[in-house]
Amino acid sequence: MAFTGQYDGNTEVFVVSAAGGEPKRLTYTPTLGRDEVSDRMGPNNIVMGWTPDGKNILCSLADAVVQ
């Protein structure tokens, strides 16, 4: 399961097993004190879905590092 969460104040993308467990963070937004322009341009790091083969997450990213 993929989801968008705000555990540290930044909106980030996470995955977790359908059976439960600890979420794994996939994106890292640079700072909390960043310029608010990116927020005005629309939501950041939002999970949109999965590719048809279920191997990749589709998401909207802005100013994030994906790991």
PDB file of N, CA and C in Angstrom:
ATOM      1  N   MET A   1       0.848  -1.161   0.000  1.00  0.00           N
ATOM      2  CA  MET A   1       0.000   0.000   0.000  1.00  0.00           C
ATOM      3  C   MET A   1       0.903   1.237   0.000  1.00  0.00           C
ATOM      4  N   ALA A   2       0.562   2.222  -0.808  1.00  0.00           N
ATOM      5  CA  ALA A   2       1.284   3.490  -0.845  1.00  0.00           C
ATOM      6  C   ALA A   2       0.352   4.580  -0.341  1.00  0.00           C
ATOM      7  N   PHE A   3       0.925   5.537   0.382  1.00  0.00           N
ATOM      8  CA  PHE A   3       0.106   6.625   0.906  1.00  0.00           C
ATOM      9  C   PHE A   3       0.939   7.871   1.100  1.00  0.00           C
ATOM     10  N   THR A   4       0.244   8.993   1.242  1.00  0.00           N
ATOM     11  CA  THR A   4       0.862  10.275   1.541  1.00  0.00           C
ATOM     12  C   THR A   4       0.679  10.534   3.030  1.00  0.00           C
ATOM     13  N   GLY A   5       1.750  10.920   3.711  1.00  0.00           N
ATOM     14  CA  GLY A   5       1.674  11.192   5.138  1.00  0.00           C
ATOM     15  C   GLY A   5       2.466  12.428   5.514  1.00  0.00           C
ATOM     16  N   GLN A   6       2.174  12.963   6.695  1.00  0.00           N
ATOM     17  CA  GLN A   6       2.877  14.144   7.215  1.00  0.00           C
ATOM     18  C   GLN A   6       3.335  13.861   8.638  1.00  0.00           C
ATOM     19  N   TYR A   7       4.370  13.067   8.758  1.00  0.00           N
ATOM     20  CA  TYR A   7       4.876  12.710  10.082  1.00  0.00           C
ATOM     21  C   TYR A   7       5.803  13.765  10.667  1.00  0.00           C
ATOM     22  N   ASP A   8       6.471  14.559   9.806  1.00  0.00           N
ATOM     23  CA  ASP A   8       7.407  15.578  10.303  1.00  0.00           C
ATOM     24  C   ASP A   8       7.035  16.983   9.855  1.00  0.00           C
ATOM     25  N   GLY A   9       5.812  17.146   9.334  1.00  0.00           N
ATOM     26  CA  GLY A   9       5.381  18.449   8.857  1.00  0.00           C
ATOM     27  C   GLY A   9       5.451  18.588   7.353  1.00  0.00           C
ATOM     28  N   ASN A  10       6.275  17.774   6.700  1.00  0.00           N
ATOM     29  CA  ASN A  10       6.351  17.754   5.246  1.00  0.00           C
ATOM     30  C   ASN A  10       5.457  16.642   4.719  1.00  0.00           C
ATOM     31  N   THR A  11       4.862  16.857   3.568  1.00  0.00           N
ATOM     32  CA  THR A  11       4.061  15.818   2.926  1.00  0.00           C
ATOM     33  C   THR A  11       5.013  14.887   2.188  1.00  0.00           C
ATOM     34  N   GLU A  12       4.998  13.598   2.519  1.00  0.00           N
ATOM     35  CA  GLU A  12       5.918  12.618   1.948  1.00  0.00           C
ATOM     36  C   GLU A  12       5.159  11.382   1.487  1.00  0.00           C
ATOM     37  N   VAL A  13       5.812  10.581   0.647  1.00  0.00           N
ATOM     38  CA  VAL A  13       5.244   9.335   0.143  1.00  0.00           C
ATOM     39  C   VAL A  13       5.830   8.167   0.942  1.00  0.00           C
ATOM     40  N   PHE A  14       4.964   7.256   1.357  1.00  0.00           N
ATOM     41  CA  PHE A  14       5.343   6.078   2.138  1.00  0.00           C
ATOM     42  C   PHE A  14       4.729   4.836   1.519  1.00  0.00           C
ATOM     43  N   VAL A  15       5.331   3.683   1.802  1.00  0.00           N
ATOM     44  CA  VAL A  15       4.728   2.391   1.478  1.00  0.00           C
ATOM     45  C   VAL A  15       4.731   1.546   2.738  1.00  0.00           C
ATOM     46  N   VAL A  16       3.754   0.645   2.819  1.00  0.00           N
ATOM     47  CA  VAL A  16       3.671  -0.295   3.935  1.00  0.00           C
ATOM     48  C   VAL A  16       2.996  -1.561   3.418  1.00  0.00           C
ATOM     49  N   SER A  17       3.371  -2.677   3.956  1.00  0.00           N
ATOM     50  CA  SER A  17       2.781  -3.948   3.577  1.00  0.00           C
ATOM     51  C   SER A  17       1.285  -3.943   3.896  1.00  0.00           C
ATOM     52  N   ALA A  18       0.497  -4.615   3.085  1.00  0.00           N
ATOM     53  CA  ALA A  18      -0.945  -4.733   3.352  1.00  0.00           C
ATOM     54  C   ALA A  18      -1.187  -5.481   4.662  1.00  0.00           C
ATOM     55  N   ALA A  19      -0.207  -6.275   5.091  1.00  0.00           N
ATOM     56  CA  ALA A  19      -0.317  -7.002   6.356  1.00  0.00           C
ATOM     57  C   ALA A  19      -0.003  -6.111   7.558  1.00  0.00           C
ATOM     58  N   GLY A  20       0.497  -4.894   7.299  1.00  0.00           N
ATOM     59  CA  GLY A  20       0.844  -3.971   8.384  1.00  0.00           C
ATOM     60  C   GLY A  20       2.340  -3.852   8.537  1.00  0.00           C
ATOM     61  N   GLY A  21       2.757  -3.207   9.599  1.00  0.00           N
ATOM     62  CA  GLY A  21       4.172  -3.003   9.852  1.00  0.00           C
ATOM     63  C   GLY A  21       4.533  -1.536   9.825  1.00  0.00           C
ATOM     64  N   GLU A  22       5.819  -1.271   9.852  1.00  0.00           N
ATOM     65  CA  GLU A  22       6.306   0.100   9.869  1.00  0.00           C
ATOM     66  C   GLU A  22       6.380   0.656   8.452  1.00  0.00           C
ATOM     67  N   PRO A  23       5.817   1.846   8.207  1.00  0.00           N
ATOM     68  CA  PRO A  23       5.884   2.445   6.874  1.00  0.00           C
ATOM     69  C   PRO A  23       7.326   2.763   6.484  1.00  0.00           C
ATOM     70  N   LYS A  24       7.640   2.599   5.198  1.00  0.00           N
ATOM     71  CA  LYS A  24       8.939   2.978   4.649  1.00  0.00           C
ATOM     72  C   LYS A  24       8.756   4.286   3.885  1.00  0.00           C
ATOM     73  N   ARG A  25       9.545   5.282   4.252  1.00  0.00           N
ATOM     74  CA  ARG A  25       9.482   6.596   3.608  1.00  0.00           C
ATOM     75  C   ARG A  25      10.234   6.552   2.290  1.00  0.00           C
ATOM     76  N   LEU A  26       9.595   7.039   1.209  1.00  0.00           N
ATOM     77  CA  LEU A  26      10.212   7.021  -0.113  1.00  0.00           C
ATOM     78  C   LEU A  26      10.676   8.386  -0.595  1.00  0.00           C
ATOM     79  N   THR A  27      10.100   9.468  -0.082  1.00  0.00           N
ATOM     80  CA  THR A  27      10.496  10.811  -0.514  1.00  0.00           C
ATOM     81  C   THR A  27      11.017  11.599   0.668  1.00  0.00           C
ATOM     82  N   TYR A  28      11.870  12.563   0.369  1.00  0.00           N
ATOM     83  CA  TYR A  28      12.469  13.419   1.399  1.00  0.00           C
ATOM     84  C   TYR A  28      12.443  14.859   0.908  1.00  0.00           C
ATOM     85  N   THR A  29      11.544  15.666   1.459  1.00  0.00           N
ATOM     86  CA  THR A  29      11.453  17.076   1.101  1.00  0.00           C
ATOM     87  C   THR A  29      12.568  17.818   1.827  1.00  0.00           C
ATOM     88  N   PRO A  30      13.279  18.718   1.132  1.00  0.00           N
ATOM     89  CA  PRO A  30      14.477  19.344   1.688  1.00  0.00           C
ATOM     90  C   PRO A  30      14.334  19.975   3.075  1.00  0.00           C
ATOM     91  N   THR A  31      13.387  20.895   3.277  1.00  0.00           N
ATOM     92  CA  THR A  31      13.300  21.574   4.573  1.00  0.00           C
ATOM     93  C   THR A  31      11.878  21.975   4.883  1.00  0.00           C
ATOM     94  N   LEU A  32      11.600  22.175   6.163  1.00  0.00           N
ATOM     95  CA  LEU A  32      10.300  22.698   6.580  1.00  0.00           C
ATOM     96  C   LEU A  32      10.194  24.186   6.299  1.00  0.00           C
ATOM     97  N   GLY A  33      11.316  24.914   6.339  1.00  0.00           N
ATOM     98  CA  GLY A  33      11.303  26.356   6.189  1.00  0.00           C
ATOM     99  C   GLY A  33      11.468  26.820   4.760  1.00  0.00           C
ATOM    100  N   ARG A  34      11.146  25.955   3.805  1.00  0.00           N
ATOM    101  CA  ARG A  34      11.343  26.319   2.402  1.00  0.00           C
ATOM    102  C   ARG A  34      10.354  27.405   1.978  1.00  0.00           C
ATOM    103  N   ASP A  35      10.643  27.999   0.865  1.00  0.00           N
ATOM    104  CA  ASP A  35       9.770  29.008   0.259  1.00  0.00           C
ATOM    105  C   ASP A  35       8.380  28.412   0.038  1.00  0.00           C
ATOM    106  N   GLU A  36       7.336  29.151   0.331  1.00  0.00           N
ATOM    107  CA  GLU A  36       5.973  28.659   0.202  1.00  0.00           C
ATOM    108  C   GLU A  36       5.482  28.637  -1.243  1.00  0.00           C
ATOM    109  N   VAL A  37       6.305  29.049  -2.203  1.00  0.00           N
ATOM    110  CA  VAL A  37       5.884  29.060  -3.608  1.00  0.00           C
ATOM    111  C   VAL A  37       5.483  27.663  -4.057  1.00  0.00           C
ATOM    112  N   SER A  38       6.261  26.648  -3.704  1.00  0.00           N
ATOM    113  CA  SER A  38       5.944  25.290  -4.157  1.00  0.00           C
ATOM    114  C   SER A  38       4.588  24.847  -3.641  1.00  0.00           C
ATOM    115  N   ASP A  39       4.212  25.248  -2.429  1.00  0.00           N
ATOM    116  CA  ASP A  39       2.912  24.895  -1.880  1.00  0.00           C
ATOM    117  C   ASP A  39       1.786  25.588  -2.624  1.00  0.00           C
ATOM    118  N   ARG A  40       2.028  26.791  -3.095  1.00  0.00           N
ATOM    119  CA  ARG A  40       1.004  27.512  -3.851  1.00  0.00           C
ATOM    120  C   ARG A  40       0.828  26.936  -5.249  1.00  0.00           C
ATOM    121  N   MET A  41       1.838  26.215  -5.729  1.00  0.00           N
ATOM    122  CA  MET A  41       1.768  25.624  -7.060  1.00  0.00           C
ATOM    123  C   MET A  41       0.971  24.328  -7.071  1.00  0.00           C
ATOM    124  N   GLY A  42       0.502  23.887  -5.926  1.00  0.00           N
ATOM    125  CA  GLY A  42      -0.292  22.665  -5.843  1.00  0.00           C
ATOM    126  C   GLY A  42       0.301  21.701  -4.842  1.00  0.00           C
ATOM    127  N   PRO A  43      -0.441  20.639  -4.560  1.00  0.00           N
ATOM    128  CA  PRO A  43       0.016  19.651  -3.576  1.00  0.00           C
ATOM    129  C   PRO A  43       1.328  19.004  -3.995  1.00  0.00           C
ATOM    130  N   ASN A  44       2.150  18.696  -3.027  1.00  0.00           N
ATOM    131  CA  ASN A  44       3.442  18.041  -3.258  1.00  0.00           C
ATOM    132  C   ASN A  44       3.401  16.611  -2.749  1.00  0.00           C
ATOM    133  N   ASN A  45       4.105  15.727  -3.438  1.00  0.00           N
ATOM    134  CA  ASN A  45       4.318  14.356  -2.985  1.00  0.00           C
ATOM    135  C   ASN A  45       3.004  13.635  -2.687  1.00  0.00           C
ATOM    136  N   ILE A  46       2.127  13.620  -3.659  1.00  0.00           N
ATOM    137  CA  ILE A  46       0.821  12.997  -3.503  1.00  0.00           C
ATOM    138  C   ILE A  46       0.782  11.681  -4.285  1.00  0.00           C
ATOM    139  N   VAL A  47       0.404  10.591  -3.620  1.00  0.00           N
ATOM    140  CA  VAL A  47       0.260   9.298  -4.276  1.00  0.00           C
ATOM    141  C   VAL A  47      -0.980   9.338  -5.153  1.00  0.00           C
ATOM    142  N   MET A  48      -0.806   8.967  -6.433  1.00  0.00           N
ATOM    143  CA  MET A  48      -1.911   8.986  -7.394  1.00  0.00           C
ATOM    144  C   MET A  48      -2.413   7.581  -7.712  1.00  0.00           C
ATOM    145  N   GLY A  49      -1.554   6.579  -7.581  1.00  0.00           N
ATOM    146  CA  GLY A  49      -1.935   5.209  -7.907  1.00  0.00           C
ATOM    147  C   GLY A  49      -0.710   4.362  -8.191  1.00  0.00           C
ATOM    148  N   TRP A  50      -0.922   3.258  -8.888  1.00  0.00           N
ATOM    149  CA  TRP A  50       0.140   2.323  -9.240  1.00  0.00           C
ATOM    150  C   TRP A  50       0.145   2.109 -10.750  1.00  0.00           C
ATOM    151  N   THR A  51       1.290   1.715 -11.297  1.00  0.00           N
ATOM    152  CA  THR A  51       1.333   1.335 -12.699  1.00  0.00           C
ATOM    153  C   THR A  51       0.520   0.047 -12.868  1.00  0.00           C
ATOM    154  N   PRO A  52       0.043  -0.242 -14.073  1.00  0.00           N
ATOM    155  CA  PRO A  52      -0.785  -1.441 -14.282  1.00  0.00           C
ATOM    156  C   PRO A  52      -0.138  -2.752 -13.819  1.00  0.00           C
ATOM    157  N   ASP A  53       1.181  -2.848 -13.880  1.00  0.00           N
ATOM    158  CA  ASP A  53       1.840  -4.080 -13.443  1.00  0.00           C
ATOM    159  C   ASP A  53       2.045  -4.135 -11.928  1.00  0.00           C
ATOM    160  N   GLY A  54       1.689  -3.043 -11.211  1.00  0.00           N
ATOM    161  CA  GLY A  54       1.799  -3.011  -9.759  1.00  0.00           C
ATOM    162  C   GLY A  54       3.211  -2.868  -9.228  1.00  0.00           C
ATOM    163  N   LYS A  55       4.165  -2.539 -10.088  1.00  0.00           N
ATOM    164  CA  LYS A  55       5.567  -2.458  -9.665  1.00  0.00           C
ATOM    165  C   LYS A  55       6.024  -1.047  -9.299  1.00  0.00           C
ATOM    166  N   ASN A  56       5.325  -0.035  -9.768  1.00  0.00           N
ATOM    167  CA  ASN A  56       5.756   1.342  -9.539  1.00  0.00           C
ATOM    168  C   ASN A  56       4.594   2.203  -9.057  1.00  0.00           C
ATOM    169  N   ILE A  57       4.936   3.175  -8.230  1.00  0.00           N
ATOM    170  CA  ILE A  57       3.946   4.111  -7.694  1.00  0.00           C
ATOM    171  C   ILE A  57       3.885   5.334  -8.597  1.00  0.00           C
ATOM    172  N   LEU A  58       2.676   5.794  -8.863  1.00  0.00           N
ATOM    173  CA  LEU A  58       2.479   7.040  -9.587  1.00  0.00           C
ATOM    174  C   LEU A  58       2.214   8.128  -8.563  1.00  0.00           C
ATOM    175  N   CYS A  59       3.021   9.184  -8.594  1.00  0.00           N
ATOM    176  CA  CYS A  59       2.812  10.261  -7.627  1.00  0.00           C
ATOM    177  C   CYS A  59       3.243  11.594  -8.207  1.00  0.00           C
ATOM    178  N   SER A  60       2.689  12.636  -7.637  1.00  0.00           N
ATOM    179  CA  SER A  60       3.036  14.007  -8.000  1.00  0.00           C
ATOM    180  C   SER A  60       4.119  14.457  -7.034  1.00  0.00           C
ATOM    181  N   LEU A  61       5.286  14.824  -7.572  1.00  0.00           N
ATOM    182  CA  LEU A  61       6.407  15.231  -6.725  1.00  0.00           C
ATOM    183  C   LEU A  61       6.841  16.647  -7.034  1.00  0.00           C
ATOM    184  N   ALA A  62       7.286  17.351  -6.015  1.00  0.00           N
ATOM    185  CA  ALA A  62       7.867  18.682  -6.187  1.00  0.00           C
ATOM    186  C   ALA A  62       8.931  18.860  -5.115  1.00  0.00           C
ATOM    187  N   ASP A  63      10.149  19.101  -5.544  1.00  0.00           N
ATOM    188  CA  ASP A  63      11.259  19.382  -4.623  1.00  0.00           C
ATOM    189  C   ASP A  63      11.537  18.243  -3.652  1.00  0.00           C
ATOM    190  N   ALA A  64      11.314  17.012  -4.051  1.00  0.00           N
ATOM    191  CA  ALA A  64      11.586  15.875  -3.162  1.00  0.00           C
ATOM    192  C   ALA A  64      12.656  14.997  -3.774  1.00  0.00           C
ATOM    193  N   VAL A  65      13.400  14.323  -2.906  1.00  0.00           N
ATOM    194  CA  VAL A  65      14.374  13.317  -3.327  1.00  0.00           C
ATOM    195  C   VAL A  65      13.719  11.967  -3.120  1.00  0.00           C
ATOM    196  N   VAL A  66      13.737  11.117  -4.143  1.00  0.00           N
ATOM    197  CA  VAL A  66      13.120   9.794  -4.060  1.00  0.00           C
ATOM    198  C   VAL A  66      14.193   8.762  -3.767  1.00  0.00           C
ATOM    199  N   GLN A  67      13.901   7.884  -2.789  1.00  0.00           N
ATOM    200  CA  GLN A  67      14.854   6.828  -2.451  1.00  0.00           C
ATOM    201  C   GLN A  67      14.190   5.477  -2.517  1.00  0.00           C
TER     202      GLN A  67
END
